[in-house]
Amino acid sequence: MSEERLRRVRDRVRPFPDFPVPGVLFRDISPLLKDPAAFRTLIDLLEDHLRVSHPKIDFIAGVDSRGFLIGPPLAQRLGIGFVLIRKKGKLPGPTESISYALEYGTAELEIQSDAVEAGQKVVIVDDLLATGGTMYAACELVKRLKAEVLECLVIIELKLLKGSEKLKSIPFYSLLQYD
C-alpha cells in the first residue's frame, strides 16, 4: 500500500469535535464520499487488501448504514454478492436479530435468514470501529446462519476504545487508525 494513496484517503476524513455528544471527536467520511478520486482510492486499497488476505470470499456483508456505501462497490470489484445487516424492522421476510450495547445506549441488528448459507465465507464491512459492539453483533448474526466470518473490515479504527479486542479471535483490518 503506498503512503500517497493512503494519504489521499486520510486527507478526506474530517474531524468534528463534540459530536454527537460533548467530548467525542467524530470522524466524518462525507468529504471522502464527495471526492470520486479519493473514494476510488479507498476501494482500491480495500480491494488490494482482500485479494491478498482472502482469495476466496463468497459475500461482503455491510453494516447499516455506512457499510452500505463501501460494501457494494467492493463486492462488485471482487465479483461477489453483497448482503445487508440492518437496524431492526428494516428487512422483509424472516430474519435473525440481536440486541447489543452502543456507546450511547442499546440497539438491535437483523439479517435475513437466507442471506448466507452454512459454510459460506463472509467479510463484514463498516466505516468505523469504536467500542466494537456493532461489529461484534454483526459477526454473531453471520455466525448464527452458520457462515464463516473471514474478517471485519473498516475504514477507521478508534484505537483508544479498544473495539478490536471485543472481536476476540475474528480477524480485523482497519485502513486508518486514530488514538
Protein backbone atom coordinates (compact mmCIF):
# COMPACT_ATOMS: atom_id res chain seq x y z
CA MET A 1 0.00 0.00 0.00
CA SER A 2 1.53 3.30 -0.99
CA GLU A 3 1.68 6.13 1.52
CA GLU A 4 0.46 8.53 -1.16
CA ARG A 5 -2.74 6.52 -1.74
CA LEU A 6 -3.34 6.18 1.98
CA ARG A 7 -2.77 9.92 2.49
CA ARG A 8 -5.31 10.69 -0.26
CA VAL A 9 -7.92 8.81 1.79
CA ARG A 10 -6.81 10.13 5.21
CA ASP A 11 -6.91 13.73 3.96
CA ARG A 12 -10.61 13.33 3.17
CA VAL A 13 -11.62 12.29 6.70
CA ARG A 14 -12.83 15.36 8.59
CA PRO A 15 -12.81 15.64 12.41
CA PHE A 16 -15.85 17.13 14.18
CA PRO A 17 -15.30 17.84 17.90
CA ASP A 18 -18.15 17.34 20.37
CA PHE A 19 -20.38 15.35 18.04
CA PRO A 20 -22.75 13.62 18.74
CA VAL A 21 -22.08 14.50 22.38
CA PRO A 22 -19.53 16.71 24.15
CA GLY A 23 -16.11 15.10 24.41
CA VAL A 24 -16.46 12.92 21.30
CA LEU A 25 -14.29 13.63 18.24
CA PHE A 26 -16.37 12.37 15.31
CA ARG A 27 -14.52 11.20 12.17
CA ASP A 28 -16.65 12.22 9.16
CA ILE A 29 -16.23 10.36 5.85
CA SER A 30 -18.54 12.72 3.92
CA PRO A 31 -15.63 14.52 2.19
CA LEU A 32 -14.23 11.12 1.16
CA LEU A 33 -17.55 10.20 -0.43
CA LYS A 34 -17.73 13.56 -2.26
CA ASP A 35 -14.30 13.10 -3.88
CA PRO A 36 -14.53 10.45 -6.63
CA ALA A 37 -10.74 10.01 -6.89
CA ALA A 38 -10.32 9.59 -3.13
CA PHE A 39 -13.28 7.19 -2.91
CA ARG A 40 -11.89 5.14 -5.81
CA THR A 41 -8.55 5.03 -3.99
CA LEU A 42 -10.33 3.82 -0.84
CA ILE A 43 -11.99 0.97 -2.72
CA ASP A 44 -8.69 0.16 -4.48
CA LEU A 45 -6.88 -0.13 -1.13
CA LEU A 46 -9.59 -2.32 0.41
CA GLU A 47 -9.76 -4.50 -2.70
CA ASP A 48 -5.96 -4.94 -2.72
CA HIS A 49 -6.05 -5.97 0.95
CA LEU A 50 -8.84 -8.52 0.47
CA ARG A 51 -7.36 -10.07 -2.68
CA VAL A 52 -4.11 -10.74 -0.81
CA SER A 53 -5.63 -11.73 2.54
CA HIS A 54 -8.68 -13.75 1.45
CA PRO A 55 -8.58 -15.17 -2.08
CA LYS A 56 -11.93 -16.97 -1.57
CA ILE A 57 -14.82 -14.80 -0.31
CA ASP A 58 -18.48 -15.54 -1.00
CA PHE A 59 -20.08 -12.31 0.27
CA ILE A 60 -19.41 -8.88 1.63
CA ALA A 61 -21.88 -8.02 4.42
CA GLY A 62 -22.38 -4.32 5.09
CA VAL A 63 -23.48 -2.91 8.43
CA ASP A 64 -26.27 -0.31 8.39
CA SER A 65 -25.76 2.31 7.19
CA ARG A 66 -22.28 3.38 6.15
CA GLY A 67 -21.23 -0.19 5.46
CA PHE A 68 -23.75 0.06 2.60
CA LEU A 69 -21.60 2.77 0.99
CA ILE A 70 -18.36 0.77 0.99
CA GLY A 71 -19.61 -2.79 0.61
CA PRO A 72 -21.37 -2.78 -2.78
CA PRO A 73 -18.53 -1.24 -4.82
CA LEU A 74 -16.05 -3.52 -3.05
CA ALA A 75 -18.19 -6.61 -3.69
CA GLN A 76 -18.61 -5.61 -7.34
CA ARG A 77 -14.84 -5.27 -7.76
CA LEU A 78 -14.36 -8.73 -6.27
CA GLY A 79 -17.15 -10.24 -8.39
CA ILE A 80 -19.16 -11.40 -5.36
CA GLY A 81 -22.50 -10.60 -3.76
CA PHE A 82 -23.40 -8.10 -1.07
CA VAL A 83 -25.76 -8.70 1.87
CA LEU A 84 -27.36 -6.27 4.30
CA ILE A 85 -27.10 -6.18 8.08
CA ARG A 86 -29.73 -3.63 9.07
CA LYS A 87 -31.30 -1.93 12.01
CA LYS A 88 -34.33 -3.80 13.39
CA GLY A 89 -37.52 -3.62 11.35
CA LYS A 90 -35.94 -2.64 8.03
CA LEU A 91 -35.71 -6.06 6.33
CA PRO A 92 -38.66 -8.04 4.91
CA GLY A 93 -39.20 -11.74 5.46
CA PRO A 94 -37.76 -13.99 8.15
CA THR A 95 -34.76 -12.50 9.96
CA GLU A 96 -32.26 -13.26 12.69
CA SER A 97 -31.85 -10.45 15.17
CA ILE A 98 -29.51 -9.49 18.01
CA SER A 99 -29.52 -6.75 20.66
CA TYR A 100 -26.25 -5.10 21.69
CA ALA A 101 -24.87 -2.17 23.67
CA LEU A 102 -23.80 1.06 21.96
CA GLU A 103 -21.59 3.83 23.32
CA TYR A 104 -24.79 5.84 23.95
CA GLY A 105 -27.46 3.17 24.60
CA THR A 106 -28.67 -0.09 23.04
CA ALA A 107 -29.65 -1.14 19.54
CA GLU A 108 -30.72 -4.16 17.51
CA LEU A 109 -29.44 -5.52 14.19
CA GLU A 110 -31.01 -8.00 11.78
CA ILE A 111 -30.01 -10.11 8.81
CA GLN A 112 -32.39 -12.01 6.52
CA SER A 113 -32.44 -15.68 7.45
CA ASP A 114 -31.50 -16.71 3.91
CA ALA A 115 -28.82 -14.02 3.36
CA VAL A 116 -25.96 -16.52 3.55
CA GLU A 117 -25.70 -20.28 3.80
CA ALA A 118 -23.81 -22.56 6.13
CA GLY A 119 -20.11 -22.64 5.32
CA GLN A 120 -20.06 -19.54 3.13
CA LYS A 121 -17.19 -17.13 3.70
CA VAL A 122 -18.13 -13.55 4.61
CA VAL A 123 -16.23 -10.30 5.17
CA ILE A 124 -18.15 -7.74 7.24
CA VAL A 125 -17.58 -4.06 6.40
CA ASP A 126 -18.40 -0.79 8.12
CA ASP A 127 -16.95 2.70 8.11
CA LEU A 128 -15.68 2.80 11.69
CA LEU A 129 -14.85 0.63 14.69
CA ALA A 130 -15.26 2.35 18.07
CA THR A 131 -16.15 0.12 21.04
CA GLY A 132 -16.79 -2.89 18.80
CA GLY A 133 -20.37 -3.57 19.88
CA THR A 134 -21.98 -3.14 16.48
CA MET A 135 -19.33 -5.15 14.64
CA TYR A 136 -19.43 -7.93 17.24
CA ALA A 137 -23.23 -8.13 16.89
CA ALA A 138 -22.91 -8.30 13.09
CA CYS A 139 -20.43 -11.17 13.42
CA GLU A 140 -22.78 -13.03 15.75
CA LEU A 141 -25.62 -12.71 13.23
CA VAL A 142 -23.50 -14.15 10.41
CA LYS A 143 -22.36 -16.99 12.69
CA ARG A 144 -25.98 -17.78 13.61
CA LEU A 145 -26.52 -18.53 9.93
CA LYS A 146 -23.50 -20.88 10.21
CA ALA A 147 -21.39 -18.88 7.77
CA GLU A 148 -17.72 -18.15 8.43
CA VAL A 149 -16.63 -14.58 9.22
CA LEU A 150 -13.27 -14.26 7.47
CA GLU A 151 -12.62 -10.71 8.63
CA CYS A 152 -14.10 -7.47 9.89
CA LEU A 153 -13.01 -4.57 7.69
CA VAL A 154 -13.35 -0.83 8.43
CA ILE A 155 -12.03 2.43 7.09
CA ILE A 156 -11.38 3.94 10.53
CA GLU A 157 -10.44 2.42 13.88
CA LEU A 158 -10.53 4.46 17.09
CA LYS A 159 -7.68 2.66 18.89
CA LEU A 160 -8.27 4.14 22.37
CA LEU A 161 -11.70 2.50 22.57
CA LYS A 162 -10.17 -0.97 22.02
CA GLY A 163 -13.07 -2.24 19.93
CA SER A 164 -10.94 -4.82 18.15
CA GLU A 165 -10.45 -6.60 21.49
CA LYS A 166 -14.21 -7.26 21.61
CA LEU A 167 -13.93 -9.16 18.32
CA LYS A 168 -11.65 -11.69 20.06
CA SER A 169 -10.38 -14.24 17.52
CA ILE A 170 -12.09 -12.71 14.46
CA PRO A 171 -9.50 -11.21 12.10
CA PHE A 172 -9.77 -7.44 11.88
CA TYR A 173 -8.38 -4.85 9.47
CA SER A 174 -8.58 -1.06 9.57
CA LEU A 175 -7.21 1.22 6.89
CA LEU A 176 -6.81 4.28 9.17
CA GLN A 177 -6.20 4.34 12.91
CA TYR A 178 -6.71 7.23 15.30
CA ASP A 179 -5.96 7.48 19.03
